[in-house]
Amino acid sequence: MTAAGNAVSFSGSAPSTGDIAAIARRDTRLVVSPQVEARIAAARAVVDRYVAADLPVYGLTTGLGAGVDTKLAVDDLVAFQLRVPQARAVGVGAALPREAVRAMMAVRVAGMAAGGSGVSPPVFSGLVAALNAGVHPVVPSLGSIGAADLAPLAHMGRALLGDGEAEYRGTVMPAGEALAAAGLSPLPLAPKDGHALVVANSLSVGLACLALEDLDRLLAWSLAAVALNFEAFRANVTAFDDRALAARPAFGQREAAGRLRGLLAGGSLLAEGAARRLQDPLSYRCAPQVWGALIHALAEAREATRIEIASSGDNPVVLAEEGLILSHGNFDMTAFVLAWERLGQALAHCAAAIAWRTMKITSAGFSDLPRFLTPLGQSRTGFATVQKTVSLLEVEIRSLAAPVSLSPIPVADGVEDQASLAPSVLAKIEAMIERMRYLVAIELAASAQAVELRGVAGELGAGTGAVYRAIRARVAPLHEDRSQAADFTAIAALIETSEP
């Protein structure tokens, strides 16, 4: 992969998760190198040889699923491929967002570019052209159990054949009209092409790429919220001392503490005697350990996603150098979903810590600040009712952290008796991210208020000072009671779109 200007080139190396997010969210153009085109052609030559010899190949000369025992007639090979996406377009529910569809399309291109799909060059080029032209199939969000995202990809493939609906330049229209408006023709399917379009986990992996971009920002802001709360609480920074953390270097904790020290650098909290207590509640004292676990889980999920982007999970896989087509189970996403399930549980631990710290910074008994952080006395509510929102967000995140990836009931007449539920795992991660943004936004708002009531706004570290000013540029201090819903929404939008 190489990037230049507003383009990403799929070349010798695989695209990154960031490349997929850029294509999906910022309409970065995808360029395919001659090296990838040669790889596609070499794999296709193997497929053509198998067709000419009428050799048994799953999905090429046989039916799919339970129909693997059905040999296809030679004159039915192309017609069968046309039926594949039509028969598997069984999704229901709300349509996927535009960025999710673009991410799915980009990941499918990446999987084909790896060389194992055996897709014909015209179909590969047609998929790239549709993505670059901004033709986005309307894809229902429900229907995949994660043993290849058959239904979502089938809806994509069906639209690129001219059936169903697609969005083009902001308008949903019949897919054939969208293709024509973009100057494109329906995909010219050849043997294996219909199967090649649908037999991948491209939706799951595409959603993972988007989540990783969101989580990188969310992690940075959540650490900033921890540090700003430390400033307001006047918590003991020995919890971040690398000498103590090195005595038991659990995953990620030294990195988390180092980032927190960097945010506090230059501020008065690092001075001897600045802390109010020898030891603070665990939601403060264990922040490096809890956020270290999140950092570690995020790295594992990133690596699991990178492997999927860089590889061919098609079944069967075409091995061009050996001239072989082999059946296998590389589409199984167990390792991938376990990494993402673990990440969800790490988010839940962080959410609990955020909730407890927010309760404590607003509690006079813990913070030695005015109750509920109101400067006008107890005839005002201050941040009291906000605690209910915090409680709701935390419990929903904790509920979403429960594993969903254990296999569903068998399908395809019992042949397909195991699946990862990868799309469902990523859907709940997305829901957790949304709730976590609001939790972090509330902690930032409460911490900024507490910093002012403590009288240390002029003594903050370089990093926490910048974060405090960013919050105050969007949200005024709370004096007289007002609705804070718009405040939290504004801060959550800042977390979603920018770095601290």
Protein backbone atom coordinates (compact mmCIF):
# COMPACT_ATOMS: atom_id res chain seq x y z
CA MET A 1 0.00 0.00 0.00
CA THR A 2 1.14 3.55 -0.73
CA ALA A 3 -0.69 6.78 -0.04
CA ALA A 4 -0.37 10.00 -2.00
CA GLY A 5 -2.65 13.00 -1.79
CA ASN A 6 -6.25 11.83 -1.75
CA ALA A 7 -5.47 8.34 -3.02
CA VAL A 8 -4.49 4.98 -1.59
CA SER A 9 -2.65 2.55 -3.87
CA PHE A 10 -3.19 -1.16 -3.34
CA SER A 11 0.20 -2.51 -4.33
CA GLY A 12 2.68 -5.05 -3.00
CA SER A 13 1.81 -4.51 0.65
CA ALA A 14 -1.65 -4.70 2.15
CA PRO A 15 -3.64 -1.59 3.06
CA SER A 16 -3.71 -0.55 6.70
CA THR A 17 -6.79 -0.20 8.87
CA GLY A 18 -6.31 3.55 8.52
CA ASP A 19 -6.36 3.25 4.73
CA ILE A 20 -9.71 1.47 4.86
CA ALA A 21 -11.10 4.15 7.20
CA ALA A 22 -9.85 6.90 4.88
CA ILE A 23 -11.55 5.29 1.88
CA ALA A 24 -14.74 4.78 3.87
CA ARG A 25 -15.00 8.12 5.63
CA ARG A 26 -13.03 10.63 3.59
CA ASP A 27 -13.70 9.32 0.07
CA THR A 28 -10.03 8.63 -0.52
CA ARG A 29 -9.62 7.19 -4.00
CA LEU A 30 -8.42 3.59 -4.40
CA VAL A 31 -5.75 2.94 -7.04
CA VAL A 32 -4.72 -0.59 -8.01
CA SER A 33 -1.12 -1.22 -9.02
CA PRO A 34 -0.05 -3.38 -11.99
CA GLN A 35 1.44 -5.80 -9.44
CA VAL A 36 -2.00 -6.46 -7.97
CA GLU A 37 -3.55 -6.75 -11.43
CA ALA A 38 -0.95 -9.39 -12.32
CA ARG A 39 -1.73 -11.27 -9.12
CA ILE A 40 -5.46 -11.25 -9.94
CA ALA A 41 -4.77 -12.48 -13.48
CA ALA A 42 -2.51 -15.30 -12.29
CA ALA A 43 -5.13 -16.61 -9.87
CA ARG A 44 -7.82 -16.33 -12.50
CA ALA A 45 -5.76 -18.43 -14.91
CA VAL A 46 -5.87 -21.27 -12.37
CA VAL A 47 -9.66 -20.97 -12.15
CA ASP A 48 -9.95 -21.08 -15.93
CA ARG A 49 -7.83 -24.25 -16.07
CA TYR A 50 -10.06 -25.96 -13.48
CA VAL A 51 -13.16 -24.96 -15.46
CA ALA A 52 -11.68 -26.28 -18.71
CA ALA A 53 -10.84 -29.59 -17.04
CA ASP A 54 -14.26 -29.75 -15.31
CA LEU A 55 -12.59 -30.49 -11.97
CA PRO A 56 -14.67 -30.48 -8.76
CA VAL A 57 -14.31 -27.11 -6.98
CA TYR A 58 -16.69 -25.84 -4.32
CA GLY A 59 -18.75 -22.95 -5.65
CA LEU A 60 -17.22 -23.20 -9.11
CA THR A 61 -18.38 -26.55 -10.45
CA THR A 62 -20.52 -27.50 -7.43
CA GLY A 63 -23.31 -25.90 -5.47
CA LEU A 64 -22.80 -24.07 -2.18
CA GLY A 65 -23.48 -24.98 1.44
CA ALA A 66 -25.49 -28.16 1.66
CA GLY A 67 -25.48 -28.13 -2.16
CA VAL A 68 -21.80 -29.07 -2.25
CA ASP A 69 -22.95 -32.52 -3.34
CA THR A 70 -24.56 -31.05 -6.48
CA LYS A 71 -22.42 -30.98 -9.62
CA LEU A 72 -23.17 -28.01 -11.88
CA ALA A 73 -23.74 -28.50 -15.58
CA VAL A 74 -21.19 -26.77 -17.79
CA ASP A 75 -23.84 -24.59 -19.39
CA ASP A 76 -25.07 -23.53 -15.90
CA LEU A 77 -21.77 -22.25 -14.52
CA VAL A 78 -22.35 -18.56 -15.29
CA ALA A 79 -26.08 -18.61 -14.53
CA PHE A 80 -25.31 -20.19 -11.16
CA GLN A 81 -22.94 -17.32 -10.31
CA LEU A 82 -25.70 -14.83 -11.16
CA ARG A 83 -28.01 -16.68 -8.77
CA VAL A 84 -25.49 -16.70 -5.89
CA PRO A 85 -25.88 -13.07 -4.75
CA GLN A 86 -29.59 -13.04 -5.50
CA ALA A 87 -30.30 -16.08 -3.32
CA ARG A 88 -28.13 -14.80 -0.46
CA ALA A 89 -29.51 -11.27 -0.36
CA VAL A 90 -31.64 -12.12 2.67
CA GLY A 91 -30.69 -9.25 5.00
CA VAL A 92 -33.26 -7.33 7.02
CA GLY A 93 -33.34 -4.25 9.20
CA ALA A 94 -32.09 -0.72 8.77
CA ALA A 95 -29.62 -0.02 5.99
CA LEU A 96 -25.96 0.16 6.88
CA PRO A 97 -24.46 3.66 7.02
CA ARG A 98 -22.64 4.86 3.91
CA GLU A 99 -19.24 4.59 5.61
CA ALA A 100 -19.88 0.99 6.63
CA VAL A 101 -20.77 0.04 3.04
CA ARG A 102 -17.67 1.77 1.70
CA ALA A 103 -15.50 0.05 4.31
CA MET A 104 -17.00 -3.33 3.35
CA MET A 105 -16.37 -2.69 -0.34
CA ALA A 106 -12.78 -1.57 0.30
CA VAL A 107 -12.02 -4.61 2.45
CA ARG A 108 -13.46 -6.91 -0.22
CA VAL A 109 -11.17 -5.28 -2.78
CA ALA A 110 -8.24 -5.81 -0.40
CA GLY A 111 -9.13 -9.49 0.02
CA MET A 112 -9.32 -9.99 -3.72
CA ALA A 113 -6.04 -8.11 -4.16
CA ALA A 114 -4.36 -10.66 -1.88
CA GLY A 115 -4.68 -13.06 -4.79
CA GLY A 116 -6.63 -16.01 -3.40
CA SER A 117 -10.13 -15.26 -4.64
CA GLY A 118 -9.73 -16.17 -8.30
CA VAL A 119 -12.10 -13.36 -9.26
CA SER A 120 -12.07 -12.34 -12.93
CA PRO A 121 -10.23 -9.07 -13.68
CA PRO A 122 -13.35 -7.31 -15.07
CA VAL A 123 -15.34 -7.98 -11.88
CA PHE A 124 -12.44 -6.89 -9.69
CA SER A 125 -12.05 -3.68 -11.72
CA GLY A 126 -15.81 -3.11 -11.64
CA LEU A 127 -15.91 -3.28 -7.85
CA VAL A 128 -13.04 -0.79 -7.62
CA ALA A 129 -14.75 1.51 -10.12
CA ALA A 130 -18.06 1.46 -8.23
CA LEU A 131 -16.30 2.33 -4.97
CA ASN A 132 -14.36 5.19 -6.57
CA ALA A 133 -17.47 6.49 -8.33
CA GLY A 134 -19.43 6.57 -5.09
CA VAL A 135 -22.05 3.96 -5.99
CA HIS A 136 -23.07 2.56 -2.62
CA PRO A 137 -25.41 -0.44 -2.53
CA VAL A 138 -28.20 -0.31 0.02
CA VAL A 139 -27.30 -3.12 2.42
CA PRO A 140 -29.52 -4.24 5.33
CA SER A 141 -27.65 -4.38 8.60
CA LEU A 142 -28.90 -7.78 9.85
CA GLY A 143 -28.32 -11.18 8.28
CA SER A 144 -24.72 -12.34 8.77
CA ILE A 145 -23.61 -14.85 11.40
CA GLY A 146 -19.95 -14.31 10.62
CA ALA A 147 -19.19 -17.44 8.62
CA ALA A 148 -18.44 -15.09 5.73
CA ASP A 149 -20.70 -12.04 5.64
CA LEU A 150 -22.82 -13.65 2.95
CA ALA A 151 -25.99 -11.58 3.18
CA PRO A 152 -24.39 -8.10 3.31
CA LEU A 153 -21.99 -8.93 0.49
CA ALA A 154 -24.82 -10.49 -1.51
CA HIS A 155 -26.79 -7.25 -1.29
CA MET A 156 -23.65 -5.43 -2.44
CA GLY A 157 -23.12 -7.86 -5.32
CA ARG A 158 -26.77 -7.79 -6.36
CA ALA A 159 -26.73 -3.99 -6.58
CA LEU A 160 -23.56 -4.04 -8.67
CA LEU A 161 -25.37 -6.40 -11.03
CA GLY A 162 -28.05 -3.71 -11.40
CA ASP A 163 -30.68 -5.12 -9.04
CA GLY A 164 -31.90 -3.70 -5.73
CA GLU A 165 -31.08 -0.16 -4.68
CA ALA A 166 -27.98 1.99 -4.35
CA GLU A 167 -27.14 5.46 -3.09
CA TYR A 168 -25.41 7.80 -5.52
CA ARG A 169 -24.58 11.41 -4.72
CA GLY A 170 -26.91 11.44 -1.76
CA THR A 171 -29.94 9.90 -3.48
CA VAL A 172 -31.18 6.33 -3.14
CA MET A 173 -32.37 4.96 -6.48
CA PRO A 174 -32.68 1.67 -8.35
CA ALA A 175 -29.20 0.18 -8.57
CA GLY A 176 -29.24 0.01 -12.36
CA GLU A 177 -29.96 3.76 -12.51
CA ALA A 178 -27.15 4.48 -10.04
CA LEU A 179 -24.66 2.53 -12.14
CA ALA A 180 -25.78 4.29 -15.30
CA ALA A 181 -25.61 7.72 -13.65
CA ALA A 182 -22.02 6.96 -12.64
CA GLY A 183 -21.16 5.80 -16.16
CA LEU A 184 -20.75 2.18 -15.08
CA SER A 185 -22.09 -1.13 -16.39
CA PRO A 186 -23.35 -4.05 -14.30
CA LEU A 187 -20.62 -6.49 -13.30
CA PRO A 188 -20.01 -9.10 -16.05
CA LEU A 189 -19.94 -12.26 -13.93
CA ALA A 190 -17.94 -15.27 -15.09
CA PRO A 191 -17.58 -18.67 -13.36
CA LYS A 192 -16.71 -18.27 -9.64
CA ASP A 193 -17.34 -14.50 -9.63
CA GLY A 194 -20.67 -14.52 -7.79
CA HIS A 195 -19.16 -16.66 -5.07
CA ALA A 196 -16.03 -14.50 -4.94
CA LEU A 197 -18.17 -11.44 -4.26
CA VAL A 198 -19.89 -12.91 -1.21
CA VAL A 199 -17.45 -15.38 0.40
CA ALA A 200 -15.60 -13.08 2.78
CA ASN A 201 -15.94 -11.36 6.15
CA SER A 202 -15.62 -7.92 4.62
CA LEU A 203 -18.38 -6.22 6.61
CA SER A 204 -16.96 -7.39 9.94
CA VAL A 205 -13.43 -6.35 9.03
CA GLY A 206 -14.58 -3.04 7.58
CA LEU A 207 -16.48 -2.22 10.76
CA ALA A 208 -13.37 -3.14 12.74
CA CYS A 209 -11.29 -0.63 10.76
CA LEU A 210 -13.78 2.12 11.53
CA ALA A 211 -13.90 1.13 15.20
CA LEU A 212 -10.12 1.20 15.48
CA GLU A 213 -10.00 4.78 14.23
CA ASP A 214 -12.71 5.74 16.73
CA LEU A 215 -11.01 3.89 19.57
CA ASP A 216 -7.66 5.56 19.01
CA ARG A 217 -9.28 8.96 19.56
CA LEU A 218 -11.42 7.70 22.41
CA LEU A 219 -8.41 6.22 24.19
CA ALA A 220 -6.53 9.53 23.94
CA TRP A 221 -9.48 11.53 25.25
CA SER A 222 -10.21 9.07 28.04
CA LEU A 223 -6.61 9.36 29.27
CA ALA A 224 -6.96 13.14 29.10
CA ALA A 225 -10.11 12.88 31.22
CA VAL A 226 -8.28 10.72 33.77
CA ALA A 227 -5.48 13.30 33.99
CA LEU A 228 -7.84 16.28 34.28
CA ASN A 229 -9.79 14.49 37.00
CA PHE A 230 -6.50 13.85 38.82
CA GLU A 231 -5.79 17.57 38.68
CA ALA A 232 -9.21 18.44 40.07
CA PHE A 233 -9.22 15.73 42.74
CA ARG A 234 -5.59 16.46 43.68
CA ALA A 235 -4.94 12.75 43.48
CA ASN A 236 -1.63 11.14 44.33
CA VAL A 237 0.54 10.77 41.22
CA THR A 238 2.74 8.07 42.75
CA ALA A 239 0.21 5.78 41.04
CA PHE A 240 1.99 6.76 37.80
CA ASP A 241 5.54 6.25 39.08
CA ASP A 242 7.33 4.02 36.58
CA ARG A 243 9.50 2.48 39.31
CA ALA A 244 6.44 1.05 41.02
CA LEU A 245 4.88 -0.09 37.77
CA ALA A 246 8.10 -1.77 36.66
CA ALA A 247 7.94 -3.95 39.77
CA ARG A 248 5.05 -5.77 38.09
CA PRO A 249 4.95 -4.70 34.44
CA ALA A 250 1.48 -5.88 33.47
CA PHE A 251 0.38 -5.39 29.88
CA GLY A 252 0.17 -1.75 28.87
CA GLN A 253 0.32 -0.17 32.33
CA ARG A 254 3.69 1.53 31.90
CA GLU A 255 2.59 3.02 28.58
CA ALA A 256 -0.66 4.27 30.11
CA ALA A 257 1.17 5.83 33.05
CA GLY A 258 3.74 7.42 30.75
CA ARG A 259 0.98 9.06 28.73
CA LEU A 260 -0.68 10.31 31.91
CA ARG A 261 2.59 11.74 33.21
CA GLY A 262 3.03 13.50 29.89
CA LEU A 263 -0.39 15.13 30.22
CA LEU A 264 0.43 16.34 33.74
CA ALA A 265 3.97 17.54 32.95
CA GLY A 266 4.60 21.14 33.97
CA GLY A 267 1.68 21.29 36.39
CA SER A 268 1.57 21.77 40.14
CA LEU A 269 0.12 18.33 40.83
CA LEU A 270 3.57 16.81 40.26
CA ALA A 271 5.05 18.89 43.09
CA GLU A 272 5.87 17.22 46.40
CA GLY A 273 2.92 17.36 48.78
CA ALA A 274 0.33 18.37 46.16
CA ALA A 275 -1.82 15.27 46.72
CA ARG A 276 -4.59 15.40 49.33
CA ARG A 277 -4.26 11.75 50.34
CA LEU A 278 -1.59 9.11 50.66
CA GLN A 279 -3.78 6.66 48.70
CA ASP A 280 -6.82 7.45 46.58
CA PRO A 281 -9.82 5.26 45.68
CA LEU A 282 -8.98 2.48 43.28
CA SER A 283 -10.69 4.13 40.31
CA TYR A 284 -7.87 6.71 40.58
CA ARG A 285 -4.99 4.63 41.86
CA CYS A 286 -5.46 1.76 39.37
CA ALA A 287 -5.92 3.93 36.28
CA PRO A 288 -2.60 2.80 34.71
CA GLN A 289 -3.51 -0.85 35.17
CA VAL A 290 -7.06 -0.51 33.82
CA TRP A 291 -6.11 1.69 30.87
CA GLY A 292 -3.04 -0.46 30.27
CA ALA A 293 -5.35 -3.43 29.78
CA LEU A 294 -7.32 -1.37 27.24
CA ILE A 295 -4.13 -0.41 25.38
CA HIS A 296 -3.10 -4.07 25.22
CA ALA A 297 -6.53 -5.25 24.08
CA LEU A 298 -6.66 -2.53 21.43
CA ALA A 299 -3.29 -3.62 20.05
CA GLU A 300 -4.46 -7.23 19.88
CA ALA A 301 -7.67 -6.28 18.04
CA ARG A 302 -5.65 -4.13 15.64
CA GLU A 303 -3.33 -7.03 14.82
CA ALA A 304 -6.25 -9.43 14.35
CA THR A 305 -7.82 -6.93 11.94
CA ARG A 306 -4.56 -6.36 10.08
CA ILE A 307 -4.24 -10.09 9.44
CA GLU A 308 -7.71 -10.18 7.91
CA ILE A 309 -7.06 -7.21 5.60
CA ALA A 310 -3.75 -8.61 4.41
CA SER A 311 -5.03 -12.11 3.70
CA SER A 312 -7.34 -14.12 1.51
CA GLY A 313 -10.02 -15.83 3.56
CA ASP A 314 -11.87 -17.07 0.47
CA ASN A 315 -13.00 -20.68 0.50
CA PRO A 316 -11.80 -22.30 -1.64
CA VAL A 317 -8.53 -20.42 -1.96
CA VAL A 318 -6.61 -20.16 -5.21
CA LEU A 319 -2.87 -20.77 -4.84
CA ALA A 320 -1.55 -19.37 -8.10
CA GLU A 321 2.09 -20.41 -7.70
CA GLU A 322 1.09 -24.04 -7.04
CA GLY A 323 -1.73 -23.99 -9.60
CA LEU A 324 -4.13 -25.33 -6.97
CA ILE A 325 -7.58 -24.55 -5.56
CA LEU A 326 -8.03 -25.86 -2.00
CA SER A 327 -11.00 -26.02 0.36
CA HIS A 328 -10.38 -24.92 3.96
CA GLY A 329 -11.84 -23.04 6.93
CA ASN A 330 -9.88 -19.79 6.85
CA PHE A 331 -13.10 -17.80 6.80
CA ASP A 332 -13.64 -18.72 10.45
CA MET A 333 -13.27 -15.60 12.62
CA THR A 334 -12.91 -17.13 16.10
CA ALA A 335 -9.51 -15.57 16.84
CA PHE A 336 -10.67 -12.23 15.46
CA VAL A 337 -13.87 -12.09 17.51
CA LEU A 338 -12.16 -13.20 20.71
CA ALA A 339 -9.76 -10.26 20.35
CA TRP A 340 -12.71 -7.90 19.90
CA GLU A 341 -14.70 -9.48 22.73
CA ARG A 342 -11.72 -8.93 25.01
CA LEU A 343 -11.50 -5.33 23.86
CA GLY A 344 -15.17 -4.85 24.72
CA GLN A 345 -14.55 -6.15 28.22
CA ALA A 346 -11.57 -3.83 28.60
CA LEU A 347 -13.82 -0.92 27.62
CA ALA A 348 -16.30 -2.01 30.27
CA HIS A 349 -13.61 -1.92 32.99
CA CYS A 350 -12.65 1.60 31.90
CA ALA A 351 -16.30 2.66 31.85
CA ALA A 352 -16.73 1.52 35.44
CA ALA A 353 -13.66 3.48 36.51
CA ILE A 354 -14.90 6.61 34.70
CA ALA A 355 -18.29 6.30 36.39
CA TRP A 356 -16.79 5.90 39.86
CA ARG A 357 -14.37 8.80 39.43
CA THR A 358 -17.17 11.03 38.19
CA MET A 359 -19.27 10.13 41.23
CA LYS A 360 -16.36 10.89 43.53
CA ILE A 361 -15.34 14.21 41.98
CA THR A 362 -18.95 15.37 42.39
CA SER A 363 -19.17 14.10 46.01
CA ALA A 364 -18.20 16.57 48.70
CA GLY A 365 -17.19 13.71 51.02
CA PHE A 366 -14.53 12.50 48.59
CA SER A 367 -13.49 15.64 46.74
CA ASP A 368 -13.67 18.32 49.48
CA LEU A 369 -15.42 20.47 46.90
CA PRO A 370 -18.99 21.83 46.97
CA ARG A 371 -21.53 19.03 46.73
CA PHE A 372 -22.39 18.19 43.11
CA LEU A 373 -19.93 20.89 42.02
CA THR A 374 -22.39 23.78 42.22
CA PRO A 375 -20.90 27.11 43.38
CA LEU A 376 -24.32 28.50 44.36
CA GLY A 377 -25.22 26.23 47.28
CA GLN A 378 -27.55 23.30 47.80
CA SER A 379 -30.64 25.03 46.48
CA ARG A 380 -29.06 24.20 43.08
CA THR A 381 -28.73 20.76 41.53
CA GLY A 382 -25.35 21.10 39.84
CA PHE A 383 -24.08 17.75 38.59
CA ALA A 384 -26.40 15.70 40.84
CA THR A 385 -28.82 14.43 38.23
CA VAL A 386 -25.96 13.78 35.80
CA GLN A 387 -25.07 10.83 38.01
CA LYS A 388 -28.16 9.03 36.68
CA THR A 389 -26.93 9.40 33.11
CA VAL A 390 -23.50 8.16 34.17
CA SER A 391 -25.05 5.14 35.85
CA LEU A 392 -27.14 4.30 32.78
CA LEU A 393 -24.21 4.60 30.36
CA GLU A 394 -21.97 2.42 32.52
CA VAL A 395 -24.51 -0.35 32.99
CA GLU A 396 -25.30 -0.45 29.26
CA ILE A 397 -21.61 -0.73 28.41
CA ARG A 398 -21.23 -3.48 30.98
CA SER A 399 -24.22 -5.32 29.50
CA LEU A 400 -22.83 -5.01 25.99
CA ALA A 401 -19.53 -6.48 27.17
CA ALA A 402 -21.17 -9.87 27.70
CA PRO A 403 -19.91 -12.34 25.06
CA VAL A 404 -22.13 -12.81 22.03
CA SER A 405 -19.71 -14.77 19.85
CA LEU A 406 -20.52 -18.33 20.90
CA SER A 407 -21.75 -20.27 17.88
CA PRO A 408 -25.35 -19.85 16.72
CA ILE A 409 -27.56 -22.78 15.76
CA PRO A 410 -26.40 -24.83 12.73
CA VAL A 411 -27.58 -23.80 9.27
CA ALA A 412 -27.34 -25.14 5.70
CA ASP A 413 -28.96 -28.45 6.64
CA GLY A 414 -26.46 -28.86 9.48
CA VAL A 415 -23.35 -28.56 7.30
CA GLU A 416 -22.50 -25.10 8.63
CA ASP A 417 -22.55 -25.85 12.34
CA GLN A 418 -20.15 -23.22 13.64
CA ALA A 419 -19.94 -19.44 13.15
CA SER A 420 -18.29 -16.50 14.90
CA LEU A 421 -21.07 -13.88 14.90
CA ALA A 422 -18.40 -11.32 14.03
CA PRO A 423 -20.81 -8.63 12.74
CA SER A 424 -22.77 -8.80 16.00
CA VAL A 425 -19.56 -8.40 18.00
CA LEU A 426 -18.57 -5.31 16.02
CA ALA A 427 -22.09 -3.88 16.26
CA LYS A 428 -21.97 -4.00 20.05
CA ILE A 429 -18.46 -2.51 20.05
CA GLU A 430 -19.87 0.39 18.04
CA ALA A 431 -22.64 0.83 20.61
CA MET A 432 -20.10 0.73 23.44
CA ILE A 433 -17.96 3.37 21.75
CA GLU A 434 -20.94 5.72 21.45
CA ARG A 435 -21.80 5.37 25.14
CA MET A 436 -18.17 5.60 26.20
CA ARG A 437 -17.81 8.94 24.39
CA TYR A 438 -20.60 10.37 26.50
CA LEU A 439 -19.09 8.97 29.69
CA VAL A 440 -15.73 10.57 28.89
CA ALA A 441 -17.49 13.82 27.94
CA ILE A 442 -19.24 13.93 31.31
CA GLU A 443 -16.01 13.24 33.20
CA LEU A 444 -14.30 16.04 31.27
CA ALA A 445 -17.13 18.48 31.99
CA ALA A 446 -17.21 17.62 35.69
CA SER A 447 -13.41 17.75 35.96
CA ALA A 448 -13.22 21.16 34.29
CA GLN A 449 -15.82 22.46 36.76
CA ALA A 450 -13.93 20.92 39.67
CA VAL A 451 -10.61 22.40 38.53
CA GLU A 452 -12.17 25.87 38.74
CA LEU A 453 -13.77 25.26 42.12
CA ARG A 454 -10.42 23.97 43.39
CA GLY A 455 -8.74 27.13 42.10
CA VAL A 456 -6.02 25.33 40.13
CA ALA A 457 -7.01 26.24 36.57
CA GLY A 458 -3.78 28.24 36.25
CA GLU A 459 -1.61 25.39 37.56
CA LEU A 460 -2.46 22.61 35.13
CA GLY A 461 0.02 20.55 33.19
CA ALA A 462 0.68 21.31 29.55
CA GLY A 463 -1.56 18.52 28.35
CA THR A 464 -4.34 18.91 30.89
CA GLY A 465 -4.27 22.67 30.41
CA ALA A 466 -4.83 22.28 26.67
CA VAL A 467 -7.70 19.86 27.29
CA TYR A 468 -9.27 22.19 29.86
CA ARG A 469 -9.15 25.08 27.39
CA ALA A 470 -10.65 22.92 24.64
CA ILE A 471 -13.57 22.05 26.92
CA ARG A 472 -14.12 25.65 27.96
CA ALA A 473 -14.02 26.79 24.35
CA ARG A 474 -17.20 24.75 23.83
CA VAL A 475 -18.88 24.57 27.23
CA ALA A 476 -19.27 27.37 29.78
CA PRO A 477 -18.82 26.73 33.51
CA LEU A 478 -21.96 25.66 35.36
CA HIS A 479 -23.20 28.46 37.62
CA GLU A 480 -26.98 28.64 37.65
CA ASP A 481 -28.65 25.29 36.85
CA ARG A 482 -29.21 24.64 33.14
CA SER A 483 -29.70 21.71 30.84
CA GLN A 484 -26.29 20.13 30.31
CA ALA A 485 -27.38 17.82 27.51
CA ALA A 486 -26.01 20.15 24.83
CA ASP A 487 -22.74 20.47 26.77
CA PHE A 488 -22.14 16.74 26.84
CA THR A 489 -23.14 16.38 23.20
CA ALA A 490 -20.67 19.10 22.19
CA ILE A 491 -17.82 17.47 24.07
CA ALA A 492 -18.71 14.02 22.69
CA ALA A 493 -18.58 15.48 19.17
CA LEU A 494 -15.12 16.88 19.94
CA ILE A 495 -14.00 13.42 21.09
CA GLU A 496 -15.39 11.82 17.93
CA THR A 497 -13.73 14.17 15.46
CA SER A 498 -10.42 15.40 16.90
CA GLU A 499 -7.37 14.54 18.97
CA PRO A 500 -6.87 16.04 22.46
